[in-house]
């Protein structure tokens, strides 16, 4: 009985995941993205960034769970089970990988700040609908609260853009 009184329960320990910007640029609400797949949160809630440069970095420590064949998107799973999708540009799938380089592979462990993808923003501006990059939480049911830090310039690997709280097992 006393053991139960004084034993720590892992279910009651508040958990939090701090997510830095994966790319340098202006952070904006995902609802502002001119594509209903993102603006209507069909893939999940998150934020969007209008990039100023073409390098995409890991915003958290975790594992690469998907690299799109066209290299314009990457999925990560953090240590607490949160799954992120970083999607570079709108309609960039039509570029068939041209202008994109993946620097990681599926199954690889990554550290926050590690280079994931690089892309040619000029080519994306020329051939796709937009360079807007989205970061969505694809398993948002695990998140109790999501604080978004919007409408400012973010520096990749430095600026916090999301704070996820009350993460469920």
N, C-alpha and C. Protein backbone atom coordinates (compact mmCIF):
# COMPACT_ATOMS: atom_id res chain seq x y z
N UNK A 1 0.82 -1.19 0.00
CA UNK A 1 0.00 0.00 0.00
C UNK A 1 0.86 1.26 0.00
N UNK A 2 1.90 1.30 0.89
CA UNK A 2 2.75 2.48 0.93
C UNK A 2 3.54 2.65 -0.36
N UNK A 3 3.88 1.52 -0.98
CA UNK A 3 4.62 1.59 -2.23
C UNK A 3 3.81 2.34 -3.28
N UNK A 4 2.51 2.06 -3.33
CA UNK A 4 1.65 2.74 -4.30
C UNK A 4 1.55 4.24 -4.01
N UNK A 5 1.55 4.60 -2.73
CA UNK A 5 1.46 6.02 -2.37
C UNK A 5 2.68 6.81 -2.80
N UNK A 6 3.84 6.21 -2.67
CA UNK A 6 5.08 6.94 -2.93
C UNK A 6 5.73 6.61 -4.26
N UNK A 7 5.16 5.68 -4.99
CA UNK A 7 5.73 5.30 -6.28
C UNK A 7 5.34 6.33 -7.33
N UNK A 8 6.29 6.70 -8.16
CA UNK A 8 6.00 7.64 -9.24
C UNK A 8 5.30 6.90 -10.37
N UNK A 9 4.30 7.53 -10.90
CA UNK A 9 3.59 6.95 -12.04
C UNK A 9 4.05 7.66 -13.30
N UNK A 10 4.52 6.90 -14.27
CA UNK A 10 5.00 7.51 -15.51
C UNK A 10 3.86 8.14 -16.29
N UNK A 11 2.61 7.71 -16.04
CA UNK A 11 1.48 8.28 -16.75
C UNK A 11 1.17 9.70 -16.31
N UNK A 12 1.60 10.08 -15.11
CA UNK A 12 1.30 11.41 -14.59
C UNK A 12 2.44 12.40 -14.81
N UNK A 13 3.54 11.95 -15.34
CA UNK A 13 4.67 12.83 -15.60
C UNK A 13 4.36 13.65 -16.84
N UNK A 14 4.33 14.98 -16.72
CA UNK A 14 4.05 15.79 -17.90
C UNK A 14 5.15 15.63 -18.93
N UNK A 15 4.75 15.45 -20.17
CA UNK A 15 5.74 15.31 -21.23
C UNK A 15 5.57 16.45 -22.21
N UNK A 16 6.68 16.81 -22.82
CA UNK A 16 6.69 17.96 -23.73
C UNK A 16 7.70 17.70 -24.83
N UNK A 17 7.41 18.19 -26.01
CA UNK A 17 8.35 18.10 -27.13
C UNK A 17 8.47 19.51 -27.69
N UNK A 18 9.69 20.03 -27.73
CA UNK A 18 9.95 21.35 -28.27
C UNK A 18 10.49 21.16 -29.68
N UNK A 19 9.86 21.83 -30.64
CA UNK A 19 10.22 21.65 -32.04
C UNK A 19 10.74 22.97 -32.59
N UNK A 20 11.97 22.92 -33.10
CA UNK A 20 12.56 24.11 -33.72
C UNK A 20 12.24 24.11 -35.21
N UNK A 21 12.41 25.25 -35.82
CA UNK A 21 12.12 25.37 -37.24
C UNK A 21 13.09 24.50 -38.05
N UNK A 22 12.57 23.72 -38.99
CA UNK A 22 13.44 22.89 -39.82
C UNK A 22 14.11 23.68 -40.95
N UNK A 23 13.64 24.90 -41.16
CA UNK A 23 14.13 25.70 -42.29
C UNK A 23 14.05 27.18 -41.90
N UNK A 24 14.96 27.98 -42.39
CA UNK A 24 14.94 29.41 -42.12
C UNK A 24 13.87 30.06 -42.98
N UNK A 25 13.04 30.91 -42.36
CA UNK A 25 12.00 31.60 -43.10
C UNK A 25 10.93 32.16 -42.18
N UNK A 26 9.86 32.65 -42.78
CA UNK A 26 8.75 33.26 -42.03
C UNK A 26 7.73 32.19 -41.65
N UNK A 27 7.46 32.09 -40.35
CA UNK A 27 6.50 31.12 -39.83
C UNK A 27 5.09 31.69 -39.97
N UNK A 28 4.18 30.85 -40.44
CA UNK A 28 2.80 31.28 -40.64
C UNK A 28 1.84 30.16 -40.22
N UNK A 29 0.60 30.51 -40.06
CA UNK A 29 -0.42 29.52 -39.68
C UNK A 29 -0.64 28.55 -40.82
N UNK A 30 -0.83 27.29 -40.49
CA UNK A 30 -1.06 26.27 -41.52
C UNK A 30 -2.36 26.56 -42.28
N UNK A 31 -3.30 27.24 -41.63
CA UNK A 31 -4.57 27.59 -42.27
C UNK A 31 -4.37 28.56 -43.43
N UNK A 32 -3.22 29.23 -43.49
CA UNK A 32 -2.93 30.19 -44.56
C UNK A 32 -2.35 29.54 -45.82
N UNK A 33 -2.03 28.26 -45.75
CA UNK A 33 -1.43 27.57 -46.90
C UNK A 33 -2.47 27.45 -48.01
N UNK A 34 -2.14 27.88 -49.24
CA UNK A 34 -3.12 27.83 -50.34
C UNK A 34 -3.28 26.43 -50.94
N UNK A 35 -3.50 25.46 -50.08
CA UNK A 35 -3.75 24.08 -50.50
C UNK A 35 -4.60 23.45 -49.39
N UNK A 36 -5.82 23.00 -49.73
CA UNK A 36 -6.72 22.49 -48.70
C UNK A 36 -6.20 21.26 -47.95
N UNK A 37 -5.33 20.49 -48.56
CA UNK A 37 -4.77 19.32 -47.87
C UNK A 37 -4.08 19.77 -46.58
N UNK A 38 -3.41 20.91 -46.64
CA UNK A 38 -2.71 21.43 -45.47
C UNK A 38 -3.59 22.38 -44.67
N UNK A 39 -4.24 23.34 -45.34
CA UNK A 39 -5.01 24.36 -44.62
C UNK A 39 -6.20 23.78 -43.88
N UNK A 40 -6.75 22.68 -44.37
CA UNK A 40 -7.86 22.03 -43.68
C UNK A 40 -7.37 20.90 -42.76
N UNK A 41 -6.06 20.83 -42.60
CA UNK A 41 -5.41 19.90 -41.66
C UNK A 41 -5.73 18.43 -41.93
N UNK A 42 -5.85 18.08 -43.20
CA UNK A 42 -6.14 16.70 -43.57
C UNK A 42 -5.01 15.75 -43.17
N UNK A 43 -3.79 16.26 -43.14
CA UNK A 43 -2.64 15.45 -42.75
C UNK A 43 -2.27 15.66 -41.28
N UNK A 44 -2.90 16.64 -40.66
CA UNK A 44 -2.60 16.96 -39.26
C UNK A 44 -2.40 18.45 -39.07
N UNK A 45 -2.31 18.85 -37.82
CA UNK A 45 -2.12 20.25 -37.46
C UNK A 45 -0.62 20.55 -37.43
N UNK A 46 -0.28 21.81 -37.52
CA UNK A 46 1.12 22.21 -37.48
C UNK A 46 1.29 23.66 -37.87
N UNK A 47 2.38 23.94 -38.56
CA UNK A 47 2.69 25.30 -39.01
C UNK A 47 3.24 25.24 -40.43
N UNK A 48 3.35 26.41 -41.03
CA UNK A 48 3.96 26.53 -42.36
C UNK A 48 5.08 27.55 -42.28
N UNK A 49 6.04 27.41 -43.17
CA UNK A 49 7.17 28.33 -43.23
C UNK A 49 7.39 28.73 -44.68
N UNK A 50 7.49 30.03 -44.93
CA UNK A 50 7.88 30.52 -46.25
C UNK A 50 9.40 30.60 -46.21
N UNK A 51 10.09 29.65 -46.86
CA UNK A 51 11.54 29.53 -46.68
C UNK A 51 12.35 30.64 -47.33
N UNK A 52 13.46 30.96 -46.67
CA UNK A 52 14.43 31.92 -47.18
C UNK A 52 15.66 31.21 -47.72
N UNK A 53 15.78 29.92 -47.41
CA UNK A 53 16.91 29.12 -47.91
C UNK A 53 16.44 27.69 -48.11
N UNK A 54 17.25 26.88 -48.77
CA UNK A 54 16.81 25.56 -49.19
C UNK A 54 17.31 24.38 -48.38
N UNK A 55 17.87 24.59 -47.21
CA UNK A 55 18.30 23.46 -46.38
C UNK A 55 17.25 23.16 -45.33
N UNK A 56 16.92 21.87 -45.19
CA UNK A 56 15.92 21.41 -44.24
C UNK A 56 16.63 20.54 -43.20
N UNK A 57 16.46 20.90 -41.93
CA UNK A 57 17.15 20.22 -40.84
C UNK A 57 16.15 19.49 -39.93
N UNK A 58 16.64 18.50 -39.21
CA UNK A 58 15.81 17.78 -38.26
C UNK A 58 15.42 18.72 -37.12
N UNK A 59 14.12 18.90 -36.87
CA UNK A 59 13.68 19.78 -35.80
C UNK A 59 13.69 19.12 -34.42
N UNK A 60 13.89 17.80 -34.40
CA UNK A 60 13.91 17.01 -33.16
C UNK A 60 14.88 15.84 -33.34
N UNK A 61 15.24 15.22 -32.23
CA UNK A 61 15.95 13.94 -32.29
C UNK A 61 14.92 12.88 -32.63
N UNK A 62 15.31 11.90 -33.44
CA UNK A 62 14.36 10.84 -33.75
C UNK A 62 14.84 9.91 -34.83
N UNK A 63 13.87 9.32 -35.51
CA UNK A 63 14.14 8.35 -36.57
C UNK A 63 13.43 8.79 -37.84
N UNK A 64 14.10 8.63 -38.97
CA UNK A 64 13.49 8.90 -40.27
C UNK A 64 12.57 7.72 -40.57
N UNK A 65 11.27 8.00 -40.70
CA UNK A 65 10.32 6.92 -40.99
C UNK A 65 9.86 6.93 -42.44
N UNK A 66 10.14 8.03 -43.15
CA UNK A 66 9.78 8.08 -44.56
C UNK A 66 10.59 9.16 -45.26
N UNK A 67 11.09 8.84 -46.44
CA UNK A 67 11.64 9.82 -47.36
C UNK A 67 10.85 9.63 -48.65
N UNK A 68 10.15 10.66 -49.07
CA UNK A 68 9.36 10.54 -50.30
C UNK A 68 10.29 10.19 -51.46
N UNK A 69 9.84 9.35 -52.38
CA UNK A 69 10.67 9.00 -53.55
C UNK A 69 11.11 10.24 -54.33
N UNK A 70 10.29 11.29 -54.31
CA UNK A 70 10.62 12.53 -55.01
C UNK A 70 11.42 13.50 -54.14
N UNK A 71 11.74 13.08 -52.92
CA UNK A 71 12.62 13.80 -51.99
C UNK A 71 12.09 15.15 -51.53
N UNK A 72 10.83 15.46 -51.78
CA UNK A 72 10.28 16.75 -51.34
C UNK A 72 9.61 16.67 -49.97
N UNK A 73 9.62 15.49 -49.37
CA UNK A 73 9.01 15.33 -48.05
C UNK A 73 9.72 14.27 -47.25
N UNK A 74 9.62 14.42 -45.94
CA UNK A 74 10.28 13.47 -45.04
C UNK A 74 9.45 13.33 -43.77
N UNK A 75 9.35 12.12 -43.28
CA UNK A 75 8.65 11.85 -42.03
C UNK A 75 9.62 11.46 -40.94
N UNK A 76 9.39 11.97 -39.74
CA UNK A 76 10.24 11.67 -38.59
C UNK A 76 9.37 11.20 -37.42
N UNK A 77 9.93 10.34 -36.58
CA UNK A 77 9.28 9.95 -35.33
C UNK A 77 10.22 10.33 -34.20
N UNK A 78 9.74 11.17 -33.30
CA UNK A 78 10.54 11.59 -32.15
C UNK A 78 10.58 10.53 -31.07
N UNK A 79 11.40 10.78 -30.07
CA UNK A 79 11.58 9.81 -28.98
C UNK A 79 10.31 9.55 -28.18
N UNK A 80 9.40 10.51 -28.17
CA UNK A 80 8.14 10.33 -27.44
C UNK A 80 7.02 9.81 -28.34
N UNK A 81 7.37 9.42 -29.57
CA UNK A 81 6.38 8.84 -30.48
C UNK A 81 5.66 9.83 -31.37
N UNK A 82 5.97 11.11 -31.24
CA UNK A 82 5.35 12.11 -32.10
C UNK A 82 5.88 11.94 -33.52
N UNK A 83 4.96 11.96 -34.50
CA UNK A 83 5.36 11.82 -35.90
C UNK A 83 5.15 13.14 -36.62
N UNK A 84 6.20 13.58 -37.30
CA UNK A 84 6.20 14.85 -38.03
C UNK A 84 6.34 14.58 -39.51
N UNK A 85 5.66 15.38 -40.30
CA UNK A 85 5.85 15.37 -41.75
C UNK A 85 6.34 16.75 -42.15
N UNK A 86 7.50 16.79 -42.78
CA UNK A 86 8.02 18.04 -43.34
C UNK A 86 7.84 17.93 -44.85
N UNK A 87 7.07 18.84 -45.41
CA UNK A 87 6.73 18.80 -46.84
C UNK A 87 7.18 20.11 -47.48
N UNK A 88 8.12 20.04 -48.41
CA UNK A 88 8.69 21.24 -49.03
C UNK A 88 7.91 21.59 -50.29
N UNK A 89 7.32 22.78 -50.30
CA UNK A 89 6.64 23.30 -51.47
C UNK A 89 5.26 22.71 -51.69
N UNK A 90 4.52 23.33 -52.60
CA UNK A 90 3.19 22.87 -52.99
C UNK A 90 3.24 22.41 -54.44
N UNK A 91 2.70 21.25 -54.69
CA UNK A 91 2.73 20.60 -56.01
C UNK A 91 4.15 20.27 -56.46
N UNK A 92 5.06 20.12 -55.51
CA UNK A 92 6.45 19.77 -55.84
C UNK A 92 6.59 18.31 -56.24
N UNK A 93 5.57 17.50 -55.98
CA UNK A 93 5.62 16.10 -56.42
C UNK A 93 5.78 16.04 -57.94
N UNK A 94 5.23 17.04 -58.64
CA UNK A 94 5.32 17.09 -60.11
C UNK A 94 6.75 17.30 -60.61
N UNK A 95 7.64 17.74 -59.73
CA UNK A 95 9.04 17.96 -60.12
C UNK A 95 9.82 16.65 -60.17
N UNK A 96 9.22 15.57 -59.67
CA UNK A 96 9.80 14.22 -59.73
C UNK A 96 11.22 14.15 -59.17
N UNK A 97 11.46 14.91 -58.11
CA UNK A 97 12.75 14.86 -57.43
C UNK A 97 13.78 15.84 -57.95
N UNK A 98 13.51 16.46 -59.08
CA UNK A 98 14.47 17.43 -59.63
C UNK A 98 14.58 18.63 -58.70
N UNK A 99 15.80 18.98 -58.34
CA UNK A 99 16.04 20.11 -57.45
C UNK A 99 16.05 19.74 -55.97
N UNK A 100 15.90 18.45 -55.66
CA UNK A 100 15.88 17.99 -54.27
C UNK A 100 16.97 16.95 -54.04
N UNK A 101 17.61 17.01 -52.88
CA UNK A 101 18.59 16.00 -52.48
C UNK A 101 18.28 15.57 -51.05
N UNK A 102 18.18 14.26 -50.86
CA UNK A 102 17.98 13.72 -49.51
C UNK A 102 19.35 13.40 -48.93
N UNK A 103 19.56 13.75 -47.68
CA UNK A 103 20.84 13.49 -47.01
C UNK A 103 20.72 12.41 -45.94
N UNK A 104 19.52 11.82 -45.84
CA UNK A 104 19.27 10.73 -44.88
C UNK A 104 18.43 9.66 -45.57
N UNK A 105 18.34 8.51 -44.92
CA UNK A 105 17.55 7.40 -45.45
C UNK A 105 16.55 6.93 -44.40
N UNK A 106 15.50 6.24 -44.86
CA UNK A 106 14.53 5.66 -43.94
C UNK A 106 15.24 4.73 -42.96
N UNK A 107 14.81 4.80 -41.70
CA UNK A 107 15.39 3.96 -40.66
C UNK A 107 16.58 4.58 -39.96
N UNK A 108 17.11 5.66 -40.50
CA UNK A 108 18.28 6.32 -39.91
C UNK A 108 17.87 7.12 -38.67
N UNK A 109 18.70 7.08 -37.63
CA UNK A 109 18.51 7.92 -36.44
C UNK A 109 19.11 9.29 -36.75
N UNK A 110 18.40 10.33 -36.37
CA UNK A 110 18.89 11.69 -36.62
C UNK A 110 18.87 12.50 -35.33
N UNK A 111 19.71 13.50 -35.28
CA UNK A 111 19.76 14.43 -34.16
C UNK A 111 19.21 15.77 -34.60
N UNK A 112 18.59 16.49 -33.68
CA UNK A 112 18.10 17.83 -33.98
C UNK A 112 19.24 18.65 -34.58
N UNK A 113 18.95 19.32 -35.68
CA UNK A 113 19.96 20.13 -36.35
C UNK A 113 20.68 19.43 -37.49
N UNK A 114 20.45 18.14 -37.66
CA UNK A 114 21.10 17.38 -38.73
C UNK A 114 20.43 17.69 -40.07
N UNK A 115 21.22 17.87 -41.12
CA UNK A 115 20.70 18.16 -42.45
C UNK A 115 19.92 16.95 -42.98
N UNK A 116 18.66 17.18 -43.36
CA UNK A 116 17.81 16.12 -43.89
C UNK A 116 17.70 16.19 -45.40
N UNK A 117 17.36 17.37 -45.89
CA UNK A 117 17.11 17.60 -47.31
C UNK A 117 17.72 18.93 -47.73
N UNK A 118 18.06 19.03 -48.99
CA UNK A 118 18.40 20.33 -49.54
C UNK A 118 17.63 20.47 -50.85
N UNK A 119 17.25 21.69 -51.16
CA UNK A 119 16.46 21.92 -52.36
C UNK A 119 16.83 23.25 -52.99
N UNK A 120 16.53 23.34 -54.27
CA UNK A 120 16.79 24.53 -55.06
C UNK A 120 15.52 25.38 -55.06
N UNK A 121 15.47 26.39 -54.20
CA UNK A 121 14.26 27.21 -54.08
C UNK A 121 13.92 27.94 -55.37
N UNK A 122 14.92 28.37 -56.12
CA UNK A 122 14.65 29.06 -57.39
C UNK A 122 13.93 28.15 -58.36
N UNK A 123 14.36 26.90 -58.42
CA UNK A 123 13.72 25.93 -59.31
C UNK A 123 12.29 25.63 -58.84
N UNK A 124 12.10 25.53 -57.54
CA UNK A 124 10.75 25.29 -57.01
C UNK A 124 9.84 26.48 -57.35
N UNK A 125 10.34 27.70 -57.18
CA UNK A 125 9.55 28.90 -57.51
C UNK A 125 9.15 28.89 -58.98
N UNK A 126 10.05 28.40 -59.83
CA UNK A 126 9.82 28.37 -61.27
C UNK A 126 8.83 27.28 -61.68
N UNK A 127 8.89 26.12 -61.02
CA UNK A 127 8.14 24.95 -61.51
C UNK A 127 6.98 24.48 -60.63
N UNK A 128 6.88 24.97 -59.43
CA UNK A 128 5.82 24.51 -58.53
C UNK A 128 4.91 25.67 -58.15
N UNK A 129 3.85 25.34 -57.44
CA UNK A 129 2.88 26.35 -57.03
C UNK A 129 3.44 27.31 -55.99
N UNK A 130 4.28 26.80 -55.09
CA UNK A 130 4.81 27.62 -54.00
C UNK A 130 5.98 26.91 -53.34
N UNK A 131 6.81 27.69 -52.64
CA UNK A 131 7.91 27.11 -51.85
C UNK A 131 7.48 26.86 -50.40
N UNK A 132 6.26 27.22 -50.04
CA UNK A 132 5.80 27.07 -48.65
C UNK A 132 6.07 25.65 -48.17
N UNK A 133 6.70 25.57 -47.02
CA UNK A 133 7.06 24.29 -46.42
C UNK A 133 6.20 24.09 -45.18
N UNK A 134 5.61 22.90 -45.07
CA UNK A 134 4.74 22.63 -43.93
C UNK A 134 5.40 21.63 -42.98
N UNK A 135 5.10 21.80 -41.71
CA UNK A 135 5.49 20.84 -40.68
C UNK A 135 4.20 20.46 -39.97
N UNK A 136 3.77 19.21 -40.16
CA UNK A 136 2.53 18.75 -39.55
C UNK A 136 2.80 17.60 -38.58
N UNK A 137 1.98 17.54 -37.55
CA UNK A 137 2.00 16.43 -36.60
C UNK A 137 0.96 15.45 -37.11
N UNK A 138 1.41 14.31 -37.63
CA UNK A 138 0.49 13.39 -38.29
C UNK A 138 -0.23 12.46 -37.32
N UNK A 139 0.21 12.40 -36.09
CA UNK A 139 -0.51 11.62 -35.07
C UNK A 139 -0.89 12.55 -33.90
N UNK A 140 -1.59 13.61 -34.25
CA UNK A 140 -1.97 14.64 -33.29
C UNK A 140 -2.80 14.16 -32.13
N UNK A 141 -3.41 12.99 -32.25
CA UNK A 141 -4.20 12.46 -31.14
C UNK A 141 -3.33 12.19 -29.91
N UNK A 142 -2.02 12.11 -30.09
CA UNK A 142 -1.10 11.90 -28.97
C UNK A 142 -0.80 13.19 -28.20
N UNK A 143 -1.19 14.33 -28.78
CA UNK A 143 -0.84 15.63 -28.21
C UNK A 143 -2.04 16.24 -27.49
N UNK A 144 -1.84 16.61 -26.22
CA UNK A 144 -2.89 17.26 -25.45
C UNK A 144 -3.02 18.73 -25.82
N UNK A 145 -1.89 19.44 -25.84
CA UNK A 145 -1.86 20.87 -26.15
C UNK A 145 -0.75 21.16 -27.14
N UNK A 146 -1.01 22.09 -28.06
CA UNK A 146 -0.01 22.50 -29.04
C UNK A 146 0.08 24.01 -29.04
N UNK A 147 1.24 24.54 -28.63
CA UNK A 147 1.49 25.97 -28.71
C UNK A 147 2.24 26.24 -30.00
N UNK A 148 1.72 27.20 -30.78
CA UNK A 148 2.35 27.57 -32.05
C UNK A 148 2.92 28.97 -31.92
N UNK A 149 4.10 29.18 -32.46
CA UNK A 149 4.75 30.49 -32.44
C UNK A 149 4.80 30.98 -33.88
N UNK A 150 3.87 31.87 -34.23
CA UNK A 150 3.64 32.27 -35.62
C UNK A 150 4.05 33.71 -35.89
N UNK A 151 4.05 34.03 -37.18
CA UNK A 151 4.23 35.39 -37.68
C UNK A 151 5.55 36.04 -37.27
N UNK A 152 6.62 35.30 -37.42
CA UNK A 152 7.95 35.85 -37.17
C UNK A 152 8.96 35.13 -38.05
N UNK A 153 10.13 35.71 -38.16
CA UNK A 153 11.22 35.07 -38.90
C UNK A 153 11.84 34.01 -38.01
N UNK A 154 12.02 32.84 -38.55
CA UNK A 154 12.62 31.74 -37.80
C UNK A 154 13.97 31.39 -38.41
N UNK A 155 14.89 31.01 -37.55
CA UNK A 155 16.20 30.53 -37.98
C UNK A 155 16.21 29.02 -37.75
N UNK A 156 16.56 28.28 -38.79
CA UNK A 156 16.61 26.82 -38.68
C UNK A 156 17.47 26.41 -37.49
N UNK A 157 17.01 25.41 -36.77
CA UNK A 157 17.71 24.82 -35.62
C UNK A 157 17.76 25.70 -34.38
N UNK A 158 17.25 26.91 -34.46
CA UNK A 158 17.33 27.83 -33.32
C UNK A 158 15.97 28.26 -32.80
N UNK A 159 15.07 28.64 -33.70
CA UNK A 159 13.80 29.23 -33.30
C UNK A 159 12.76 28.16 -33.01
N UNK A 160 12.18 28.21 -31.82
CA UNK A 160 11.11 27.29 -31.46
C UNK A 160 9.84 27.72 -32.19
N UNK A 161 9.21 26.77 -32.90
CA UNK A 161 7.98 27.08 -33.63
C UNK A 161 6.78 26.33 -33.08
N UNK A 162 7.03 25.21 -32.39
CA UNK A 162 5.95 24.42 -31.77
C UNK A 162 6.41 23.91 -30.42
N UNK A 163 5.47 23.89 -29.50
CA UNK A 163 5.70 23.25 -28.20
C UNK A 163 4.50 22.33 -27.98
N UNK A 164 4.78 21.04 -27.94
CA UNK A 164 3.73 20.03 -27.76
C UNK A 164 3.73 19.61 -26.30
N UNK A 165 2.56 19.64 -25.69
CA UNK A 165 2.46 19.34 -24.25
C UNK A 165 1.47 18.20 -24.03
N UNK A 166 1.61 17.58 -22.88
CA UNK A 166 0.73 16.49 -22.47
C UNK A 166 0.70 15.38 -23.52
N UNK A 167 1.87 14.93 -23.91
CA UNK A 167 1.99 13.87 -24.91
C UNK A 167 1.58 12.54 -24.28
N UNK A 168 0.67 11.87 -24.96
CA UNK A 168 0.14 10.60 -24.45
C UNK A 168 0.98 9.43 -24.98
N UNK A 169 1.03 8.36 -24.18
CA UNK A 169 1.75 7.15 -24.61
C UNK A 169 1.01 6.46 -25.72
